[in-house]
Amino acid sequence: MAADNLNLRDVLQTAGLSTLVAKFEGERMDVTMLQSLSDSDMIRLGVETIGDRVRLRHCAKQQVYILDYFLCSTHRGSVSYCTQLSLPSD
């Protein structure tokens, strides 16, 4: 299983939507794509309520930030965008 799918599973579980993992994986989604999904995309994937959609986007944003931070700290100085990272705001 790809690392992206593990992170996707984690995000869906954190958002309380672990029952939807198979649907998201079937659509070949990864964590970085979640923030760009429209409400109609999310509804089609089974994320019916506004609260669940907001929570899922928030969890995805946090996960992407953590992944970017990890990449920067493990490749300190070799990734130019590292200095541009900032904690996501809601």
PDB file of N, CA and C in Angstrom:
ATOM      1  N   MET A   1       0.848  -1.197   0.000  1.00  0.00           N
ATOM      2  CA  MET A   1       0.000   0.000   0.000  1.00  0.00           C
ATOM      3  C   MET A   1       0.881   1.244   0.000  1.00  0.00           C
ATOM      4  N   ALA A   2       0.515   2.210  -0.776  1.00  0.00           N
ATOM      5  CA  ALA A   2       1.295   3.444  -0.902  1.00  0.00           C
ATOM      6  C   ALA A   2       1.198   4.278   0.357  1.00  0.00           C
ATOM      7  N   ALA A   3       2.233   5.061   0.624  1.00  0.00           N
ATOM      8  CA  ALA A   3       2.248   5.937   1.802  1.00  0.00           C
ATOM      9  C   ALA A   3       1.103   6.933   1.751  1.00  0.00           C
ATOM     10  N   ASP A   4       0.764   7.431   0.536  1.00  0.00           N
ATOM     11  CA  ASP A   4      -0.334   8.379   0.406  1.00  0.00           C
ATOM     12  C   ASP A   4      -1.640   7.778   0.905  1.00  0.00           C
ATOM     13  N   ASN A   5      -1.880   6.493   0.599  1.00  0.00           N
ATOM     14  CA  ASN A   5      -3.095   5.847   1.060  1.00  0.00           C
ATOM     15  C   ASN A   5      -3.104   5.680   2.563  1.00  0.00           C
ATOM     16  N   LEU A   6      -1.931   5.426   3.163  1.00  0.00           N
ATOM     17  CA  LEU A   6      -1.867   5.339   4.624  1.00  0.00           C
ATOM     18  C   LEU A   6      -2.242   6.690   5.226  1.00  0.00           C
ATOM     19  N   ASN A   7      -1.711   7.767   4.662  1.00  0.00           N
ATOM     20  CA  ASN A   7      -2.050   9.090   5.167  1.00  0.00           C
ATOM     21  C   ASN A   7      -3.512   9.402   4.921  1.00  0.00           C
ATOM     22  N   LEU A   8      -4.051   8.992   3.782  1.00  0.00           N
ATOM     23  CA  LEU A   8      -5.465   9.191   3.484  1.00  0.00           C
ATOM     24  C   LEU A   8      -6.316   8.464   4.512  1.00  0.00           C
ATOM     25  N   ARG A   9      -5.941   7.228   4.807  1.00  0.00           N
ATOM     26  CA  ARG A   9      -6.670   6.463   5.828  1.00  0.00           C
ATOM     27  C   ARG A   9      -6.646   7.196   7.175  1.00  0.00           C
ATOM     28  N   ASP A  10      -5.483   7.708   7.542  1.00  0.00           N
ATOM     29  CA  ASP A  10      -5.346   8.430   8.811  1.00  0.00           C
ATOM     30  C   ASP A  10      -6.246   9.660   8.842  1.00  0.00           C
ATOM     31  N   VAL A  11      -6.257  10.411   7.746  1.00  0.00           N
ATOM     32  CA  VAL A  11      -7.071  11.629   7.684  1.00  0.00           C
ATOM     33  C   VAL A  11      -8.551  11.282   7.774  1.00  0.00           C
ATOM     34  N   LEU A  12      -8.983  10.291   7.021  1.00  0.00           N
ATOM     35  CA  LEU A  12     -10.395   9.900   7.060  1.00  0.00           C
ATOM     36  C   LEU A  12     -10.782   9.386   8.447  1.00  0.00           C
ATOM     37  N   GLN A  13      -9.891   8.629   9.066  1.00  0.00           N
ATOM     38  CA  GLN A  13     -10.173   8.128  10.416  1.00  0.00           C
ATOM     39  C   GLN A  13     -10.257   9.282  11.413  1.00  0.00           C
ATOM     40  N   THR A  14      -9.329  10.210  11.348  1.00  0.00           N
ATOM     41  CA  THR A  14      -9.323  11.361  12.251  1.00  0.00           C
ATOM     42  C   THR A  14     -10.595  12.192  12.083  1.00  0.00           C
ATOM     43  N   ALA A  15     -11.084  12.284  10.853  1.00  0.00           N
ATOM     44  CA  ALA A  15     -12.300  13.054  10.577  1.00  0.00           C
ATOM     45  C   ALA A  15     -13.569  12.257  10.899  1.00  0.00           C
ATOM     46  N   GLY A  16     -13.402  11.024  11.354  1.00  0.00           N
ATOM     47  CA  GLY A  16     -14.559  10.191  11.678  1.00  0.00           C
ATOM     48  C   GLY A  16     -15.231   9.604  10.454  1.00  0.00           C
ATOM     49  N   LEU A  17     -14.473   9.438   9.375  1.00  0.00           N
ATOM     50  CA  LEU A  17     -15.034   8.968   8.107  1.00  0.00           C
ATOM     51  C   LEU A  17     -14.319   7.719   7.588  1.00  0.00           C
ATOM     52  N   SER A  18     -13.850   6.878   8.488  1.00  0.00           N
ATOM     53  CA  SER A  18     -13.079   5.705   8.080  1.00  0.00           C
ATOM     54  C   SER A  18     -13.894   4.734   7.225  1.00  0.00           C
ATOM     55  N   THR A  19     -15.220   4.801   7.289  1.00  0.00           N
ATOM     56  CA  THR A  19     -16.052   3.922   6.459  1.00  0.00           C
ATOM     57  C   THR A  19     -15.958   4.277   4.979  1.00  0.00           C
ATOM     58  N   LEU A  20     -15.387   5.431   4.656  1.00  0.00           N
ATOM     59  CA  LEU A  20     -15.308   5.881   3.268  1.00  0.00           C
ATOM     60  C   LEU A  20     -13.948   5.622   2.610  1.00  0.00           C
ATOM     61  N   VAL A  21     -13.049   4.962   3.326  1.00  0.00           N
ATOM     62  CA  VAL A  21     -11.697   4.731   2.803  1.00  0.00           C
ATOM     63  C   VAL A  21     -11.746   4.053   1.437  1.00  0.00           C
ATOM     64  N   ALA A  22     -12.528   3.004   1.302  1.00  0.00           N
ATOM     65  CA  ALA A  22     -12.573   2.256   0.035  1.00  0.00           C
ATOM     66  C   ALA A  22     -13.037   3.143  -1.124  1.00  0.00           C
ATOM     67  N   LYS A  23     -14.021   4.008  -0.888  1.00  0.00           N
ATOM     68  CA  LYS A  23     -14.493   4.906  -1.949  1.00  0.00           C
ATOM     69  C   LYS A  23     -13.386   5.856  -2.395  1.00  0.00           C
ATOM     70  N   PHE A  24     -12.696   6.459  -1.429  1.00  0.00           N
ATOM     71  CA  PHE A  24     -11.629   7.403  -1.760  1.00  0.00           C
ATOM     72  C   PHE A  24     -10.471   6.691  -2.456  1.00  0.00           C
ATOM     73  N   GLU A  25     -10.118   5.512  -1.978  1.00  0.00           N
ATOM     74  CA  GLU A  25      -9.045   4.758  -2.618  1.00  0.00           C
ATOM     75  C   GLU A  25      -9.463   4.304  -4.013  1.00  0.00           C
ATOM     76  N   GLY A  26     -10.726   3.954  -4.191  1.00  0.00           N
ATOM     77  CA  GLY A  26     -11.229   3.550  -5.497  1.00  0.00           C
ATOM     78  C   GLY A  26     -11.154   4.669  -6.523  1.00  0.00           C
ATOM     79  N   GLU A  27     -11.221   5.896  -6.051  1.00  0.00           N
ATOM     80  CA  GLU A  27     -11.095   7.067  -6.926  1.00  0.00           C
ATOM     81  C   GLU A  27      -9.648   7.539  -7.043  1.00  0.00           C
ATOM     82  N   ARG A  28      -8.733   6.747  -6.462  1.00  0.00           N
ATOM     83  CA  ARG A  28      -7.288   7.023  -6.501  1.00  0.00           C
ATOM     84  C   ARG A  28      -6.951   8.398  -5.923  1.00  0.00           C
ATOM     85  N   MET A  29      -7.597   8.716  -4.813  1.00  0.00           N
ATOM     86  CA  MET A  29      -7.374   9.989  -4.126  1.00  0.00           C
ATOM     87  C   MET A  29      -6.164   9.876  -3.225  1.00  0.00           C
ATOM     88  N   ASP A  30      -5.536  11.021  -2.957  1.00  0.00           N
ATOM     89  CA  ASP A  30      -4.527  11.102  -1.907  1.00  0.00           C
ATOM     90  C   ASP A  30      -4.817  12.346  -1.069  1.00  0.00           C
ATOM     91  N   VAL A  31      -4.095  12.494   0.004  1.00  0.00           N
ATOM     92  CA  VAL A  31      -4.355  13.566   0.959  1.00  0.00           C
ATOM     93  C   VAL A  31      -4.270  14.942   0.317  1.00  0.00           C
ATOM     94  N   THR A  32      -3.322  15.127  -0.590  1.00  0.00           N
ATOM     95  CA  THR A  32      -3.138  16.448  -1.182  1.00  0.00           C
ATOM     96  C   THR A  32      -4.323  16.866  -2.049  1.00  0.00           C
ATOM     97  N   MET A  33      -5.095  15.913  -2.533  1.00  0.00           N
ATOM     98  CA  MET A  33      -6.258  16.221  -3.374  1.00  0.00           C
ATOM     99  C   MET A  33      -7.492  16.621  -2.571  1.00  0.00           C
ATOM    100  N   LEU A  34      -7.555  16.241  -1.315  1.00  0.00           N
ATOM    101  CA  LEU A  34      -8.775  16.440  -0.531  1.00  0.00           C
ATOM    102  C   LEU A  34      -9.201  17.895  -0.425  1.00  0.00           C
ATOM    103  N   GLN A  35      -8.249  18.798  -0.267  1.00  0.00           N
ATOM    104  CA  GLN A  35      -8.591  20.203  -0.106  1.00  0.00           C
ATOM    105  C   GLN A  35      -9.187  20.809  -1.365  1.00  0.00           C
ATOM    106  N   SER A  36      -8.916  20.210  -2.537  1.00  0.00           N
ATOM    107  CA  SER A  36      -9.429  20.771  -3.788  1.00  0.00           C
ATOM    108  C   SER A  36     -10.775  20.210  -4.204  1.00  0.00           C
ATOM    109  N   LEU A  37     -11.278  19.223  -3.490  1.00  0.00           N
ATOM    110  CA  LEU A  37     -12.565  18.651  -3.860  1.00  0.00           C
ATOM    111  C   LEU A  37     -13.695  19.650  -3.625  1.00  0.00           C
ATOM    112  N   SER A  38     -14.599  19.735  -4.567  1.00  0.00           N
ATOM    113  CA  SER A  38     -15.785  20.583  -4.385  1.00  0.00           C
ATOM    114  C   SER A  38     -16.753  19.874  -3.440  1.00  0.00           C
ATOM    115  N   ASP A  39     -17.741  20.621  -2.971  1.00  0.00           N
ATOM    116  CA  ASP A  39     -18.761  20.001  -2.123  1.00  0.00           C
ATOM    117  C   ASP A  39     -19.469  18.876  -2.875  1.00  0.00           C
ATOM    118  N   SER A  40     -19.748  19.076  -4.154  1.00  0.00           N
ATOM    119  CA  SER A  40     -20.445  18.024  -4.910  1.00  0.00           C
ATOM    120  C   SER A  40     -19.559  16.786  -5.074  1.00  0.00           C
ATOM    121  N   ASP A  41     -18.245  16.978  -5.229  1.00  0.00           N
ATOM    122  CA  ASP A  41     -17.322  15.836  -5.277  1.00  0.00           C
ATOM    123  C   ASP A  41     -17.385  15.063  -3.964  1.00  0.00           C
ATOM    124  N   MET A  42     -17.319  15.796  -2.865  1.00  0.00           N
ATOM    125  CA  MET A  42     -17.336  15.138  -1.558  1.00  0.00           C
ATOM    126  C   MET A  42     -18.661  14.410  -1.313  1.00  0.00           C
ATOM    127  N   ILE A  43     -19.745  15.032  -1.703  1.00  0.00           N
ATOM    128  CA  ILE A  43     -21.047  14.376  -1.529  1.00  0.00           C
ATOM    129  C   ILE A  43     -21.092  13.090  -2.346  1.00  0.00           C
ATOM    130  N   ARG A  44     -20.587  13.133  -3.571  1.00  0.00           N
ATOM    131  CA  ARG A  44     -20.547  11.937  -4.417  1.00  0.00           C
ATOM    132  C   ARG A  44     -19.710  10.822  -3.786  1.00  0.00           C
ATOM    133  N   LEU A  45     -18.678  11.221  -3.020  1.00  0.00           N
ATOM    134  CA  LEU A  45     -17.823  10.248  -2.328  1.00  0.00           C
ATOM    135  C   LEU A  45     -18.403   9.796  -0.992  1.00  0.00           C
ATOM    136  N   GLY A  46     -19.539  10.382  -0.599  1.00  0.00           N
ATOM    137  CA  GLY A  46     -20.209   9.944   0.630  1.00  0.00           C
ATOM    138  C   GLY A  46     -20.061  10.869   1.815  1.00  0.00           C
ATOM    139  N   VAL A  47     -19.421  12.017   1.629  1.00  0.00           N
ATOM    140  CA  VAL A  47     -19.263  12.986   2.719  1.00  0.00           C
ATOM    141  C   VAL A  47     -20.466  13.930   2.640  1.00  0.00           C
ATOM    142  N   GLU A  48     -21.534  13.550   3.298  1.00  0.00           N
ATOM    143  CA  GLU A  48     -22.834  14.188   3.114  1.00  0.00           C
ATOM    144  C   GLU A  48     -23.007  15.514   3.853  1.00  0.00           C
ATOM    145  N   THR A  49     -22.518  15.615   5.077  1.00  0.00           N
ATOM    146  CA  THR A  49     -22.829  16.805   5.881  1.00  0.00           C
ATOM    147  C   THR A  49     -21.763  17.884   5.735  1.00  0.00           C
ATOM    148  N   ILE A  50     -22.198  19.117   5.921  1.00  0.00           N
ATOM    149  CA  ILE A  50     -21.274  20.250   5.870  1.00  0.00           C
ATOM    150  C   ILE A  50     -20.191  20.088   6.932  1.00  0.00           C
ATOM    151  N   GLY A  51     -20.580  19.688   8.127  1.00  0.00           N
ATOM    152  CA  GLY A  51     -19.615  19.504   9.215  1.00  0.00           C
ATOM    153  C   GLY A  51     -18.544  18.490   8.870  1.00  0.00           C
ATOM    154  N   ASP A  52     -18.946  17.375   8.257  1.00  0.00           N
ATOM    155  CA  ASP A  52     -17.972  16.360   7.859  1.00  0.00           C
ATOM    156  C   ASP A  52     -17.034  16.891   6.771  1.00  0.00           C
ATOM    157  N   ARG A  53     -17.571  17.666   5.843  1.00  0.00           N
ATOM    158  CA  ARG A  53     -16.720  18.222   4.782  1.00  0.00           C
ATOM    159  C   ARG A  53     -15.711  19.222   5.348  1.00  0.00           C
ATOM    160  N   VAL A  54     -16.166  20.068   6.258  1.00  0.00           N
ATOM    161  CA  VAL A  54     -15.264  21.046   6.888  1.00  0.00           C
ATOM    162  C   VAL A  54     -14.190  20.313   7.689  1.00  0.00           C
ATOM    163  N   ARG A  55     -14.605  19.318   8.469  1.00  0.00           N
ATOM    164  CA  ARG A  55     -13.666  18.555   9.293  1.00  0.00           C
ATOM    165  C   ARG A  55     -12.649  17.820   8.419  1.00  0.00           C
ATOM    166  N   LEU A  56     -13.099  17.228   7.323  1.00  0.00           N
ATOM    167  CA  LEU A  56     -12.193  16.495   6.439  1.00  0.00           C
ATOM    168  C   LEU A  56     -11.173  17.434   5.798  1.00  0.00           C
ATOM    169  N   ARG A  57     -11.622  18.582   5.330  1.00  0.00           N
ATOM    170  CA  ARG A  57     -10.681  19.546   4.741  1.00  0.00           C
ATOM    171  C   ARG A  57      -9.667  20.026   5.778  1.00  0.00           C
ATOM    172  N   HIS A  58     -10.131  20.269   6.999  1.00  0.00           N
ATOM    173  CA  HIS A  58      -9.240  20.711   8.073  1.00  0.00           C
ATOM    174  C   HIS A  58      -8.189  19.633   8.377  1.00  0.00           C
ATOM    175  N   CYS A  59      -8.627  18.389   8.518  1.00  0.00           N
ATOM    176  CA  CYS A  59      -7.694  17.291   8.804  1.00  0.00           C
ATOM    177  C   CYS A  59      -6.694  17.111   7.666  1.00  0.00           C
ATOM    178  N   ALA A  60      -7.148  17.252   6.417  1.00  0.00           N
ATOM    179  CA  ALA A  60      -6.253  17.126   5.263  1.00  0.00           C
ATOM    180  C   ALA A  60      -5.216  18.239   5.268  1.00  0.00           C
ATOM    181  N   LYS A  61      -5.665  19.453   5.574  1.00  0.00           N
ATOM    182  CA  LYS A  61      -4.754  20.600   5.606  1.00  0.00           C
ATOM    183  C   LYS A  61      -3.666  20.377   6.660  1.00  0.00           C
ATOM    184  N   GLN A  62      -4.051  19.886   7.823  1.00  0.00           N
ATOM    185  CA  GLN A  62      -3.073  19.611   8.880  1.00  0.00           C
ATOM    186  C   GLN A  62      -2.095  18.532   8.450  1.00  0.00           C
ATOM    187  N   GLN A  63      -2.601  17.463   7.816  1.00  0.00           N
ATOM    188  CA  GLN A  63      -1.736  16.364   7.395  1.00  0.00           C
ATOM    189  C   GLN A  63      -0.729  16.832   6.346  1.00  0.00           C
ATOM    190  N   VAL A  64      -1.174  17.623   5.386  1.00  0.00           N
ATOM    191  CA  VAL A  64      -0.268  18.140   4.360  1.00  0.00           C
ATOM    192  C   VAL A  64       0.800  19.015   5.008  1.00  0.00           C
ATOM    193  N   TYR A  65       0.421  19.836   5.975  1.00  0.00           N
ATOM    194  CA  TYR A  65       1.389  20.677   6.681  1.00  0.00           C
ATOM    195  C   TYR A  65       2.427  19.800   7.390  1.00  0.00           C
ATOM    196  N   ILE A  66       1.959  18.765   8.071  1.00  0.00           N
ATOM    197  CA  ILE A  66       2.868  17.874   8.804  1.00  0.00           C
ATOM    198  C   ILE A  66       3.823  17.184   7.830  1.00  0.00           C
ATOM    199  N   LEU A  67       3.301  16.701   6.701  1.00  0.00           N
ATOM    200  CA  LEU A  67       4.156  16.044   5.711  1.00  0.00           C
ATOM    201  C   LEU A  67       5.192  17.011   5.151  1.00  0.00           C
ATOM    202  N   ASP A  68       4.765  18.239   4.836  1.00  0.00           N
ATOM    203  CA  ASP A  68       5.709  19.243   4.331  1.00  0.00           C
ATOM    204  C   ASP A  68       6.768  19.560   5.376  1.00  0.00           C
ATOM    205  N   TYR A  69       6.361  19.697   6.632  1.00  0.00           N
ATOM    206  CA  TYR A  69       7.304  19.994   7.703  1.00  0.00           C
ATOM    207  C   TYR A  69       8.314  18.862   7.845  1.00  0.00           C
ATOM    208  N   PHE A  70       7.827  17.616   7.794  1.00  0.00           N
ATOM    209  CA  PHE A  70       8.714  16.466   7.910  1.00  0.00           C
ATOM    210  C   PHE A  70       9.720  16.457   6.763  1.00  0.00           C
ATOM    211  N   LEU A  71       9.249  16.697   5.537  1.00  0.00           N
ATOM    212  CA  LEU A  71      10.164  16.732   4.394  1.00  0.00           C
ATOM    213  C   LEU A  71      11.226  17.797   4.569  1.00  0.00           C
ATOM    214  N   CYS A  72      10.818  18.954   5.058  1.00  0.00           N
ATOM    215  CA  CYS A  72      11.778  20.045   5.241  1.00  0.00           C
ATOM    216  C   CYS A  72      12.784  19.723   6.332  1.00  0.00           C
ATOM    217  N   SER A  73      12.320  19.118   7.428  1.00  0.00           N
ATOM    218  CA  SER A  73      13.245  18.851   8.529  1.00  0.00           C
ATOM    219  C   SER A  73      14.200  17.711   8.194  1.00  0.00           C
ATOM    220  N   THR A  74      13.785  16.776   7.314  1.00  0.00           N
ATOM    221  CA  THR A  74      14.692  15.686   6.959  1.00  0.00           C
ATOM    222  C   THR A  74      15.638  16.073   5.833  1.00  0.00           C
ATOM    223  N   HIS A  75      15.303  17.121   5.080  1.00  0.00           N
ATOM    224  CA  HIS A  75      16.158  17.594   3.995  1.00  0.00           C
ATOM    225  C   HIS A  75      16.533  19.050   4.236  1.00  0.00           C
ATOM    226  N   ARG A  76      16.814  19.373   5.472  1.00  0.00           N
ATOM    227  CA  ARG A  76      17.084  20.753   5.867  1.00  0.00           C
ATOM    228  C   ARG A  76      18.096  21.411   4.932  1.00  0.00           C
ATOM    229  N   GLY A  77      17.683  22.533   4.385  1.00  0.00           N
ATOM    230  CA  GLY A  77      18.554  23.303   3.532  1.00  0.00           C
ATOM    231  C   GLY A  77      18.518  22.907   2.066  1.00  0.00           C
ATOM    232  N   SER A  78      17.968  21.732   1.766  1.00  0.00           N
ATOM    233  CA  SER A  78      17.988  21.306   0.364  1.00  0.00           C
ATOM    234  C   SER A  78      16.671  21.562  -0.358  1.00  0.00           C
ATOM    235  N   VAL A  79      15.648  21.976   0.357  1.00  0.00           N
ATOM    236  CA  VAL A  79      14.352  22.237  -0.257  1.00  0.00           C
ATOM    237  C   VAL A  79      14.039  23.720  -0.099  1.00  0.00           C
ATOM    238  N   SER A  80      13.970  24.438  -1.207  1.00  0.00           N
ATOM    239  CA  SER A  80      13.866  25.896  -1.145  1.00  0.00           C
ATOM    240  C   SER A  80      12.548  26.391  -0.569  1.00  0.00           C
ATOM    241  N   TYR A  81      11.458  25.640  -0.716  1.00  0.00           N
ATOM    242  CA  TYR A  81      10.177  26.126  -0.227  1.00  0.00           C
ATOM    243  C   TYR A  81      10.013  25.957   1.278  1.00  0.00           C
ATOM    244  N   CYS A  82      10.945  25.327   1.939  1.00  0.00           N
ATOM    245  CA  CYS A  82      10.821  25.090   3.379  1.00  0.00           C
ATOM    246  C   CYS A  82      10.643  26.376   4.167  1.00  0.00           C
ATOM    247  N   THR A  83      11.296  27.412   3.765  1.00  0.00           N
ATOM    248  CA  THR A  83      11.201  28.669   4.517  1.00  0.00           C
ATOM    249  C   THR A  83       9.864  29.343   4.335  1.00  0.00           C
ATOM    250  N   GLN A  84       9.093  28.904   3.336  1.00  0.00           N
ATOM    251  CA  GLN A  84       7.787  29.512   3.070  1.00  0.00           C
ATOM    252  C   GLN A  84       6.654  28.842   3.838  1.00  0.00           C
ATOM    253  N   LEU A  85       6.920  27.721   4.501  1.00  0.00           N
ATOM    254  CA  LEU A  85       5.869  27.014   5.221  1.00  0.00           C
ATOM    255  C   LEU A  85       5.403  27.803   6.439  1.00  0.00           C
ATOM    256  N   SER A  86       4.131  27.752   6.656  1.00  0.00           N
ATOM    257  CA  SER A  86       3.575  28.344   7.865  1.00  0.00           C
ATOM    258  C   SER A  86       2.409  27.487   8.320  1.00  0.00           C
ATOM    259  N   LEU A  87       2.094  27.538   9.574  1.00  0.00           N
ATOM    260  CA  LEU A  87       1.008  26.730  10.132  1.00  0.00           C
ATOM    261  C   LEU A  87      -0.297  27.127   9.472  1.00  0.00           C
ATOM    262  N   PRO A  88      -1.076  26.121   9.008  1.00  0.00           N
ATOM    263  CA  PRO A  88      -2.343  26.457   8.361  1.00  0.00           C
ATOM    264  C   PRO A  88      -3.308  27.135   9.323  1.00  0.00           C
ATOM    265  N   SER A  89      -3.997  28.134   8.829  1.00  0.00           N
ATOM    266  CA  SER A  89      -4.989  28.823   9.649  1.00  0.00           C
ATOM    267  C   SER A  89      -6.373  28.459   9.151  1.00  0.00           C
ATOM    268  N   ASP A  90      -7.333  28.525  10.042  1.00  0.00           N
ATOM    269  CA  ASP A  90      -8.716  28.191   9.662  1.00  0.00           C
ATOM    270  C   ASP A  90      -9.581  29.408   9.633  1.00  0.00           C
TER     271      ASP A  90
END
